[in-house]
């Protein structure tokens, strides 16, 4: 079994292979938009972003 490694990042949302994570609850919208981007594409992010109050 390979040893686990960790990498510290200052990014608010991080995608590392199949893992998507974020810093804290304050990044929830950014995290959600990243999931939409990964699952549905950047065009869907733009569409959803037009209908929410938090603009990214």
N, C-alpha and C. Protein backbone atom coordinates (compact mmCIF):
# COMPACT_ATOMS: atom_id res chain seq x y z
N UNK A 1 0.84 -1.18 0.00
CA UNK A 1 0.00 0.00 0.00
C UNK A 1 0.88 1.24 0.00
N UNK A 2 0.57 2.19 -0.86
CA UNK A 2 1.35 3.42 -0.96
C UNK A 2 1.08 4.33 0.23
N UNK A 3 2.10 5.05 0.62
CA UNK A 3 1.95 6.00 1.73
C UNK A 3 1.13 7.20 1.28
N UNK A 4 0.28 7.69 2.14
CA UNK A 4 -0.53 8.88 1.84
C UNK A 4 0.35 10.12 1.88
N UNK A 5 0.09 11.04 0.97
CA UNK A 5 0.81 12.30 0.96
C UNK A 5 -0.19 13.44 1.00
N UNK A 6 0.25 14.56 1.51
CA UNK A 6 -0.61 15.74 1.58
C UNK A 6 0.13 16.92 0.98
N UNK A 7 -0.63 17.81 0.37
CA UNK A 7 -0.07 19.01 -0.23
C UNK A 7 -0.91 20.18 0.26
N UNK A 8 -0.28 21.15 0.86
CA UNK A 8 -0.98 22.33 1.37
C UNK A 8 -1.19 23.32 0.23
N UNK A 9 -2.39 23.89 0.17
CA UNK A 9 -2.72 24.84 -0.88
C UNK A 9 -3.42 26.06 -0.30
N UNK A 10 -3.15 27.20 -0.89
CA UNK A 10 -3.84 28.44 -0.50
C UNK A 10 -5.11 28.66 -1.32
N UNK A 11 -5.37 27.77 -2.27
CA UNK A 11 -6.56 27.89 -3.12
C UNK A 11 -7.82 27.71 -2.28
N UNK A 12 -8.89 28.38 -2.68
CA UNK A 12 -10.15 28.26 -1.94
C UNK A 12 -10.88 26.97 -2.28
N UNK A 13 -10.77 26.51 -3.53
CA UNK A 13 -11.35 25.24 -3.96
C UNK A 13 -10.24 24.48 -4.70
N UNK A 14 -10.07 23.21 -4.34
CA UNK A 14 -9.00 22.40 -4.94
C UNK A 14 -9.59 21.13 -5.54
N UNK A 15 -9.17 20.84 -6.76
CA UNK A 15 -9.51 19.58 -7.42
C UNK A 15 -8.20 18.80 -7.55
N UNK A 16 -8.17 17.62 -6.97
CA UNK A 16 -6.98 16.76 -7.04
C UNK A 16 -7.45 15.37 -7.45
N UNK A 17 -7.41 15.13 -8.74
CA UNK A 17 -7.93 13.86 -9.25
C UNK A 17 -9.42 13.78 -9.00
N UNK A 18 -9.87 12.70 -8.35
CA UNK A 18 -11.31 12.55 -8.11
C UNK A 18 -11.80 13.29 -6.85
N UNK A 19 -10.88 13.97 -6.17
CA UNK A 19 -11.24 14.65 -4.91
C UNK A 19 -11.42 16.15 -5.16
N UNK A 20 -12.55 16.68 -4.67
CA UNK A 20 -12.82 18.12 -4.74
C UNK A 20 -13.06 18.57 -3.30
N UNK A 21 -12.33 19.59 -2.87
CA UNK A 21 -12.46 20.05 -1.49
C UNK A 21 -12.32 21.57 -1.46
N UNK A 22 -12.71 22.15 -0.34
CA UNK A 22 -12.56 23.60 -0.18
C UNK A 22 -12.15 23.92 1.24
N UNK A 23 -11.85 25.19 1.46
CA UNK A 23 -11.26 25.62 2.73
C UNK A 23 -12.23 25.61 3.91
N UNK A 24 -13.44 26.11 3.71
CA UNK A 24 -14.37 26.27 4.83
C UNK A 24 -15.76 26.58 4.30
N UNK A 25 -16.69 26.76 5.21
CA UNK A 25 -18.08 27.03 4.82
C UNK A 25 -18.20 28.31 3.98
N UNK A 26 -17.30 29.24 4.17
CA UNK A 26 -17.33 30.49 3.41
C UNK A 26 -17.06 30.32 1.93
N UNK A 27 -16.60 29.14 1.53
CA UNK A 27 -16.34 28.87 0.11
C UNK A 27 -17.41 27.97 -0.50
N UNK A 28 -18.53 27.84 0.16
CA UNK A 28 -19.58 26.91 -0.29
C UNK A 28 -20.07 27.21 -1.70
N UNK A 29 -20.28 28.48 -2.03
CA UNK A 29 -20.76 28.81 -3.38
C UNK A 29 -19.71 28.48 -4.43
N UNK A 30 -18.45 28.82 -4.15
CA UNK A 30 -17.38 28.49 -5.09
C UNK A 30 -17.26 26.98 -5.28
N UNK A 31 -17.40 26.26 -4.18
CA UNK A 31 -17.35 24.80 -4.21
C UNK A 31 -18.50 24.26 -5.07
N UNK A 32 -19.68 24.78 -4.86
CA UNK A 32 -20.85 24.34 -5.62
C UNK A 32 -20.68 24.61 -7.11
N UNK A 33 -20.18 25.80 -7.45
CA UNK A 33 -19.97 26.12 -8.86
C UNK A 33 -18.89 25.24 -9.47
N UNK A 34 -17.87 24.87 -8.72
CA UNK A 34 -16.84 23.97 -9.23
C UNK A 34 -17.44 22.60 -9.52
N UNK A 35 -18.32 22.12 -8.63
CA UNK A 35 -18.98 20.84 -8.88
C UNK A 35 -19.85 20.90 -10.13
N UNK A 36 -20.59 21.99 -10.30
CA UNK A 36 -21.41 22.16 -11.50
C UNK A 36 -20.51 22.16 -12.74
N UNK A 37 -19.39 22.86 -12.67
CA UNK A 37 -18.47 22.91 -13.79
C UNK A 37 -17.94 21.52 -14.14
N UNK A 38 -17.54 20.76 -13.14
CA UNK A 38 -16.99 19.43 -13.38
C UNK A 38 -18.04 18.46 -13.91
N UNK A 39 -19.26 18.58 -13.41
CA UNK A 39 -20.31 17.64 -13.80
C UNK A 39 -21.06 18.04 -15.07
N UNK A 40 -21.20 19.36 -15.30
CA UNK A 40 -22.07 19.81 -16.39
C UNK A 40 -21.40 20.76 -17.38
N UNK A 41 -20.23 21.26 -17.06
CA UNK A 41 -19.51 22.15 -17.97
C UNK A 41 -19.63 23.62 -17.61
N UNK A 42 -18.74 24.41 -18.20
CA UNK A 42 -18.68 25.84 -17.86
C UNK A 42 -19.89 26.62 -18.38
N UNK A 43 -20.53 26.16 -19.45
CA UNK A 43 -21.73 26.84 -19.93
C UNK A 43 -22.85 26.77 -18.88
N UNK A 44 -22.98 25.63 -18.21
CA UNK A 44 -24.00 25.49 -17.16
C UNK A 44 -23.67 26.38 -15.97
N UNK A 45 -22.38 26.53 -15.65
CA UNK A 45 -21.98 27.44 -14.57
C UNK A 45 -22.45 28.85 -14.89
N UNK A 46 -22.23 29.29 -16.11
CA UNK A 46 -22.66 30.63 -16.51
C UNK A 46 -24.17 30.78 -16.41
N UNK A 47 -24.88 29.75 -16.83
CA UNK A 47 -26.35 29.78 -16.76
C UNK A 47 -26.84 29.88 -15.32
N UNK A 48 -26.29 29.06 -14.45
CA UNK A 48 -26.69 29.07 -13.04
C UNK A 48 -26.28 30.38 -12.39
N UNK A 49 -25.09 30.86 -12.72
CA UNK A 49 -24.58 32.10 -12.11
C UNK A 49 -25.47 33.29 -12.42
N UNK A 50 -26.14 33.28 -13.56
CA UNK A 50 -27.04 34.39 -13.91
C UNK A 50 -28.27 34.44 -12.99
N UNK A 51 -28.61 33.32 -12.36
CA UNK A 51 -29.83 33.29 -11.57
C UNK A 51 -29.63 33.27 -10.06
N UNK A 52 -28.41 33.51 -9.60
CA UNK A 52 -28.16 33.55 -8.15
C UNK A 52 -27.64 34.92 -7.74
N UNK A 53 -27.73 35.20 -6.47
CA UNK A 53 -27.28 36.49 -5.96
C UNK A 53 -25.77 36.58 -5.85
N UNK A 54 -25.10 35.47 -5.54
CA UNK A 54 -23.66 35.45 -5.39
C UNK A 54 -23.02 35.28 -6.75
N UNK A 55 -22.37 36.28 -7.25
CA UNK A 55 -21.74 36.22 -8.56
C UNK A 55 -20.28 35.81 -8.41
N UNK A 56 -19.86 34.92 -9.29
CA UNK A 56 -18.46 34.47 -9.29
C UNK A 56 -17.80 34.86 -10.57
